[in-house]
PDB file of all heavy atoms in Angstrom:
ATOM      1  N   LYS A   1      13.764 -12.839   2.199  1.00  0.00           N
ATOM      2  CA  LYS A   1      14.811 -13.770   1.885  1.00  0.00           C
ATOM      3  C   LYS A   1      14.400 -14.480   0.536  1.00  0.00           C
ATOM      4  O   LYS A   1      15.158 -14.700  -0.428  1.00  0.00           O
ATOM      5  CB  LYS A   1      15.142 -14.738   2.976  1.00  0.00           C
ATOM      6  CG  LYS A   1      15.960 -14.264   4.054  1.00  0.00           C
ATOM      7  CD  LYS A   1      16.349 -15.310   5.039  1.00  0.00           C
ATOM      8  CE  LYS A   1      15.234 -16.042   5.764  1.00  0.00           C
ATOM      9  NZ  LYS A   1      15.651 -17.130   6.680  1.00  0.00           N
ATOM     10  N   GLY A   2      13.101 -14.931   0.543  1.00  0.00           N
ATOM     11  CA  GLY A   2      12.665 -15.597  -0.599  1.00  0.00           C
ATOM     12  C   GLY A   2      12.531 -14.764  -1.866  1.00  0.00           C
ATOM     13  O   GLY A   2      12.898 -15.155  -2.996  1.00  0.00           O
ATOM     14  N   TYR A   3      12.156 -13.477  -1.643  1.00  0.00           N
ATOM     15  CA  TYR A   3      12.003 -12.567  -2.721  1.00  0.00           C
ATOM     16  C   TYR A   3      13.462 -12.291  -3.369  1.00  0.00           C
ATOM     17  O   TYR A   3      13.567 -12.220  -4.578  1.00  0.00           O
ATOM     18  CB  TYR A   3      11.424 -11.267  -2.226  1.00  0.00           C
ATOM     19  CG  TYR A   3      11.347 -10.197  -3.375  1.00  0.00           C
ATOM     20  CD1 TYR A   3      10.339 -10.350  -4.375  1.00  0.00           C
ATOM     21  CD2 TYR A   3      12.307  -9.214  -3.460  1.00  0.00           C
ATOM     22  CE1 TYR A   3      10.329  -9.293  -5.355  1.00  0.00           C
ATOM     23  CE2 TYR A   3      12.253  -8.264  -4.488  1.00  0.00           C
ATOM     24  CZ  TYR A   3      11.261  -8.343  -5.471  1.00  0.00           C
ATOM     25  OH  TYR A   3      11.158  -7.454  -6.468  1.00  0.00           O
ATOM     26  N   ARG A   4      14.406 -12.123  -2.489  1.00  0.00           N
ATOM     27  CA  ARG A   4      15.906 -11.920  -3.094  1.00  0.00           C
ATOM     28  C   ARG A   4      16.271 -13.130  -3.875  1.00  0.00           C
ATOM     29  O   ARG A   4      16.860 -12.902  -5.005  1.00  0.00           O
ATOM     30  CB  ARG A   4      16.737 -11.615  -1.988  1.00  0.00           C
ATOM     31  CG  ARG A   4      18.109 -11.093  -2.553  1.00  0.00           C
ATOM     32  CD  ARG A   4      19.285 -11.187  -1.583  1.00  0.00           C
ATOM     33  NE  ARG A   4      19.175 -10.246  -0.485  1.00  0.00           N
ATOM     34  CZ  ARG A   4      20.179 -10.053   0.400  1.00  0.00           C
ATOM     35  NH1 ARG A   4      21.332 -10.742   0.292  1.00  0.00           N
ATOM     36  NH2 ARG A   4      20.006  -9.168   1.376  1.00  0.00           N
ATOM     37  N   ILE A   5      16.068 -14.189  -3.439  1.00  0.00           N
ATOM     38  CA  ILE A   5      16.506 -15.483  -4.163  1.00  0.00           C
ATOM     39  C   ILE A   5      15.775 -15.578  -5.472  1.00  0.00           C
ATOM     40  O   ILE A   5      16.361 -15.709  -6.546  1.00  0.00           O
ATOM     41  CB  ILE A   5      16.423 -16.762  -3.342  1.00  0.00           C
ATOM     42  CG1 ILE A   5      17.295 -16.694  -2.212  1.00  0.00           C
ATOM     43  CG2 ILE A   5      16.705 -17.941  -4.187  1.00  0.00           C
ATOM     44  CD1 ILE A   5      17.089 -17.843  -1.148  1.00  0.00           C
ATOM     45  N   ARG A   6      14.485 -15.423  -5.406  1.00  0.00           N
ATOM     46  CA  ARG A   6      13.594 -15.606  -6.580  1.00  0.00           C
ATOM     47  C   ARG A   6      13.918 -14.509  -7.648  1.00  0.00           C
ATOM     48  O   ARG A   6      14.005 -14.696  -8.758  1.00  0.00           O
ATOM     49  CB  ARG A   6      12.123 -15.563  -6.152  1.00  0.00           C
ATOM     50  CG  ARG A   6      11.128 -15.842  -7.299  1.00  0.00           C
ATOM     51  CD  ARG A   6      11.116 -17.230  -7.846  1.00  0.00           C
ATOM     52  NE  ARG A   6      10.634 -18.232  -6.923  1.00  0.00           N
ATOM     53  CZ  ARG A   6      10.629 -19.540  -7.168  1.00  0.00           C
ATOM     54  NH1 ARG A   6      11.036 -19.949  -8.277  1.00  0.00           N
ATOM     55  NH2 ARG A   6      10.256 -20.377  -6.226  1.00  0.00           N
ATOM     56  N   SER A   7      13.948 -13.246  -7.167  1.00  0.00           N
ATOM     57  CA  SER A   7      13.987 -12.019  -8.022  1.00  0.00           C
ATOM     58  C   SER A   7      15.453 -11.834  -8.524  1.00  0.00           C
ATOM     59  O   SER A   7      15.663 -11.549  -9.647  1.00  0.00           O
ATOM     60  CB  SER A   7      13.409 -10.889  -7.358  1.00  0.00           C
ATOM     61  OG  SER A   7      13.467  -9.727  -8.219  1.00  0.00           O
ATOM     62  N   ALA A   8      16.430 -11.812  -7.468  1.00  0.00           N
ATOM     63  CA  ALA A   8      17.706 -11.379  -7.821  1.00  0.00           C
ATOM     64  C   ALA A   8      18.618 -12.566  -8.356  1.00  0.00           C
ATOM     65  O   ALA A   8      19.127 -12.479  -9.483  1.00  0.00           O
ATOM     66  CB  ALA A   8      18.453 -10.830  -6.531  1.00  0.00           C
ATOM     67  N   LEU A   9      18.644 -13.703  -7.628  1.00  0.00           N
ATOM     68  CA  LEU A   9      19.535 -14.820  -8.001  1.00  0.00           C
ATOM     69  C   LEU A   9      18.935 -15.593  -9.222  1.00  0.00           C
ATOM     70  O   LEU A   9      19.740 -16.168  -9.984  1.00  0.00           O
ATOM     71  CB  LEU A   9      19.844 -15.691  -6.853  1.00  0.00           C
ATOM     72  CG  LEU A   9      21.002 -15.380  -6.007  1.00  0.00           C
ATOM     73  CD1 LEU A   9      20.775 -14.046  -5.298  1.00  0.00           C
ATOM     74  CD2 LEU A   9      21.286 -16.426  -4.965  1.00  0.00           C
ATOM     75  N   LEU A  10      17.607 -15.607  -9.326  1.00  0.00           N
ATOM     76  CA  LEU A  10      17.033 -16.429 -10.512  1.00  0.00           C
ATOM     77  C   LEU A  10      16.449 -15.577 -11.504  1.00  0.00           C
ATOM     78  O   LEU A  10      15.833 -16.040 -12.529  1.00  0.00           O
ATOM     79  CB  LEU A  10      15.965 -17.363  -9.829  1.00  0.00           C
ATOM     80  CG  LEU A  10      16.443 -18.320  -8.687  1.00  0.00           C
ATOM     81  CD1 LEU A  10      15.265 -19.103  -8.243  1.00  0.00           C
ATOM     82  CD2 LEU A  10      17.564 -19.139  -9.283  1.00  0.00           C
ATOM     83  N   CYS A  11      16.352 -14.209 -11.338  1.00  0.00           N
ATOM     84  CA  CYS A  11      15.884 -13.225 -12.333  1.00  0.00           C
ATOM     85  C   CYS A  11      14.414 -13.528 -12.670  1.00  0.00           C
ATOM     86  O   CYS A  11      14.079 -13.326 -13.898  1.00  0.00           O
ATOM     87  CB  CYS A  11      16.758 -13.313 -13.593  1.00  0.00           C
ATOM     88  SG  CYS A  11      18.335 -12.527 -13.475  1.00  0.00           S
ATOM     89  N   GLN A  12      13.603 -13.950 -11.754  1.00  0.00           N
ATOM     90  CA  GLN A  12      12.233 -14.202 -12.030  1.00  0.00           C
ATOM     91  C   GLN A  12      11.426 -13.021 -11.615  1.00  0.00           C
ATOM     92  O   GLN A  12      11.527 -12.576 -10.458  1.00  0.00           O
ATOM     93  CB  GLN A  12      11.813 -15.552 -11.407  1.00  0.00           C
ATOM     94  CG  GLN A  12      12.497 -16.683 -12.027  1.00  0.00           C
ATOM     95  CD  GLN A  12      12.153 -17.948 -11.292  1.00  0.00           C
ATOM     96  OE1 GLN A  12      11.207 -18.002 -10.472  1.00  0.00           O
ATOM     97  NE2 GLN A  12      12.847 -19.110 -11.609  1.00  0.00           N
ATOM     98  N   VAL A  13      10.580 -12.473 -12.508  1.00  0.00           N
ATOM     99  CA  VAL A  13       9.736 -11.386 -12.256  1.00  0.00           C
ATOM    100  C   VAL A  13       8.467 -11.766 -11.492  1.00  0.00           C
ATOM    101  O   VAL A  13       7.801 -12.645 -11.941  1.00  0.00           O
ATOM    102  CB  VAL A  13       9.449 -10.589 -13.535  1.00  0.00           C
ATOM    103  CG1 VAL A  13       8.484  -9.434 -13.245  1.00  0.00           C
ATOM    104  CG2 VAL A  13      10.719 -10.124 -14.284  1.00  0.00           C
ATOM    105  N   LEU A  14       8.244 -11.165 -10.350  1.00  0.00           N
ATOM    106  CA  LEU A  14       7.070 -11.484  -9.616  1.00  0.00           C
ATOM    107  C   LEU A  14       6.050 -10.342  -9.724  1.00  0.00           C
ATOM    108  O   LEU A  14       6.314  -9.170  -9.829  1.00  0.00           O
ATOM    109  CB  LEU A  14       7.478 -11.645  -8.102  1.00  0.00           C
ATOM    110  CG  LEU A  14       8.391 -12.756  -7.775  1.00  0.00           C
ATOM    111  CD1 LEU A  14       8.864 -12.672  -6.383  1.00  0.00           C
ATOM    112  CD2 LEU A  14       7.681 -14.089  -8.095  1.00  0.00           C
ATOM    113  N   PRO A  15       4.727 -10.638  -9.665  1.00  0.00           N
ATOM    114  CA  PRO A  15       3.737  -9.558  -9.792  1.00  0.00           C
ATOM    115  C   PRO A  15       3.832  -8.772  -8.490  1.00  0.00           C
ATOM    116  O   PRO A  15       4.179  -9.258  -7.402  1.00  0.00           O
ATOM    117  CB  PRO A  15       2.473 -10.385  -9.868  1.00  0.00           C
ATOM    118  CG  PRO A  15       2.721 -11.755  -9.326  1.00  0.00           C
ATOM    119  CD  PRO A  15       4.189 -12.006  -9.590  1.00  0.00           C
ATOM    120  N   PRO A  16       3.339  -7.493  -8.535  1.00  0.00           N
ATOM    121  CA  PRO A  16       3.338  -6.703  -7.386  1.00  0.00           C
ATOM    122  C   PRO A  16       2.321  -7.181  -6.362  1.00  0.00           C
ATOM    123  O   PRO A  16       1.332  -7.820  -6.699  1.00  0.00           O
ATOM    124  CB  PRO A  16       2.842  -5.320  -7.864  1.00  0.00           C
ATOM    125  CG  PRO A  16       2.110  -5.584  -9.184  1.00  0.00           C
ATOM    126  CD  PRO A  16       2.782  -6.766  -9.789  1.00  0.00           C
ATOM    127  N   PRO A  17       2.550  -6.961  -5.067  1.00  0.00           N
ATOM    128  CA  PRO A  17       1.625  -7.408  -4.000  1.00  0.00           C
ATOM    129  C   PRO A  17       0.321  -6.781  -4.212  1.00  0.00           C
ATOM    130  O   PRO A  17       0.158  -5.616  -4.604  1.00  0.00           O
ATOM    131  CB  PRO A  17       2.342  -7.105  -2.738  1.00  0.00           C
ATOM    132  CG  PRO A  17       3.199  -5.973  -3.148  1.00  0.00           C
ATOM    133  CD  PRO A  17       3.684  -6.175  -4.484  1.00  0.00           C
ATOM    134  N   PRO A  18      -0.823  -7.500  -3.798  1.00  0.00           N
ATOM    135  CA  PRO A  18      -2.032  -6.774  -3.832  1.00  0.00           C
ATOM    136  C   PRO A  18      -2.143  -5.624  -2.836  1.00  0.00           C
ATOM    137  O   PRO A  18      -1.461  -5.586  -1.814  1.00  0.00           O
ATOM    138  CB  PRO A  18      -3.009  -7.941  -3.476  1.00  0.00           C
ATOM    139  CG  PRO A  18      -2.172  -8.886  -2.704  1.00  0.00           C
ATOM    140  CD  PRO A  18      -0.823  -8.869  -3.344  1.00  0.00           C
ATOM    141  N   ALA A  19      -3.060  -4.695  -3.165  1.00  0.00           N
ATOM    142  CA  ALA A  19      -3.159  -3.555  -2.278  1.00  0.00           C
ATOM    143  C   ALA A  19      -3.443  -3.805  -0.875  1.00  0.00           C
ATOM    144  O   ALA A  19      -2.890  -3.159   0.093  1.00  0.00           O
ATOM    145  CB  ALA A  19      -4.280  -2.611  -2.904  1.00  0.00           C
ATOM    146  N   ASP A  20      -4.236  -4.855  -0.647  1.00  0.00           N
ATOM    147  CA  ASP A  20      -4.560  -5.144   0.792  1.00  0.00           C
ATOM    148  C   ASP A  20      -3.412  -5.727   1.630  1.00  0.00           C
ATOM    149  O   ASP A  20      -3.516  -5.997   2.802  1.00  0.00           O
ATOM    150  CB  ASP A  20      -5.812  -5.975   0.936  1.00  0.00           C
ATOM    151  CG  ASP A  20      -5.597  -7.379   0.155  1.00  0.00           C
ATOM    152  OD1 ASP A  20      -4.543  -7.545  -0.466  1.00  0.00           O
ATOM    153  OD2 ASP A  20      -6.537  -8.188   0.321  1.00  0.00           O
ATOM    154  N   ALA A  21      -2.303  -6.005   0.931  1.00  0.00           N
ATOM    155  CA  ALA A  21      -1.124  -6.603   1.565  1.00  0.00           C
ATOM    156  C   ALA A  21      -0.067  -5.703   1.826  1.00  0.00           C
ATOM    157  O   ALA A  21       0.866  -5.998   2.533  1.00  0.00           O
ATOM    158  CB  ALA A  21      -0.565  -7.797   0.748  1.00  0.00           C
ATOM    159  N   MET A  22      -0.133  -4.480   1.327  1.00  0.00           N
ATOM    160  CA  MET A  22       0.838  -3.450   1.518  1.00  0.00           C
ATOM    161  C   MET A  22       1.295  -3.111   2.933  1.00  0.00           C
ATOM    162  O   MET A  22       2.310  -2.845   3.335  1.00  0.00           O
ATOM    163  CB  MET A  22       0.582  -2.204   0.731  1.00  0.00           C
ATOM    164  CG  MET A  22       0.479  -2.468  -0.746  1.00  0.00           C
ATOM    165  SD  MET A  22       1.954  -3.230  -1.504  1.00  0.00           S
ATOM    166  CE  MET A  22       3.113  -1.815  -1.320  1.00  0.00           C
ATOM    167  N   ASN A  23       0.179  -3.152   3.881  1.00  0.00           N
ATOM    168  CA  ASN A  23       0.376  -2.761   5.204  1.00  0.00           C
ATOM    169  C   ASN A  23       0.507  -3.919   6.203  1.00  0.00           C
ATOM    170  O   ASN A  23       0.499  -3.671   7.437  1.00  0.00           O
ATOM    171  CB  ASN A  23      -0.741  -1.839   5.609  1.00  0.00           C
ATOM    172  CG  ASN A  23      -0.709  -0.502   4.847  1.00  0.00           C
ATOM    173  OD1 ASN A  23       0.300   0.076   4.639  1.00  0.00           O
ATOM    174  ND2 ASN A  23      -2.006  -0.043   4.472  1.00  0.00           N
ATOM    175  N   ALA A  24       0.507  -5.079   5.573  1.00  0.00           N
ATOM    176  CA  ALA A  24       0.649  -6.325   6.497  1.00  0.00           C
ATOM    177  C   ALA A  24       2.038  -6.302   7.177  1.00  0.00           C
ATOM    178  O   ALA A  24       3.065  -6.020   6.565  1.00  0.00           O
ATOM    179  CB  ALA A  24       0.468  -7.503   5.705  1.00  0.00           C
ATOM    180  N   VAL A  25       2.040  -6.677   8.498  1.00  0.00           N
ATOM    181  CA  VAL A  25       3.319  -6.654   9.149  1.00  0.00           C
ATOM    182  C   VAL A  25       3.512  -8.065   9.786  1.00  0.00           C
ATOM    183  O   VAL A  25       2.602  -8.665  10.415  1.00  0.00           O
ATOM    184  CB  VAL A  25       3.251  -5.583  10.299  1.00  0.00           C
ATOM    185  CG1 VAL A  25       4.506  -5.722  11.242  1.00  0.00           C
ATOM    186  CG2 VAL A  25       3.156  -4.258   9.772  1.00  0.00           C
ATOM    187  N   VAL A  26       4.674  -8.603   9.626  1.00  0.00           N
ATOM    188  CA  VAL A  26       5.119  -9.871  10.284  1.00  0.00           C
ATOM    189  C   VAL A  26       5.635  -9.477  11.655  1.00  0.00           C
ATOM    190  O   VAL A  26       6.737  -9.035  11.698  1.00  0.00           O
ATOM    191  CB  VAL A  26       6.121 -10.572   9.381  1.00  0.00           C
ATOM    192  CG1 VAL A  26       6.515 -11.942  10.192  1.00  0.00           C
ATOM    193  CG2 VAL A  26       5.613 -10.975   8.035  1.00  0.00           C
ATOM    194  N   ALA A  27       4.894  -9.677  12.680  1.00  0.00           N
ATOM    195  CA  ALA A  27       5.280  -9.280  14.086  1.00  0.00           C
ATOM    196  C   ALA A  27       5.830 -10.425  14.861  1.00  0.00           C
ATOM    197  O   ALA A  27       5.549 -11.536  14.566  1.00  0.00           O
ATOM    198  CB  ALA A  27       3.914  -8.778  14.711  1.00  0.00           C
TER     199      ALA A  27
END
């Protein structure tokens, strides 16, 4: 939700996530 607002509605470019975060799961 935060990414959509920040990136889509506000057009702010965010850096890519670090490699160690790619497999993180919010359970």
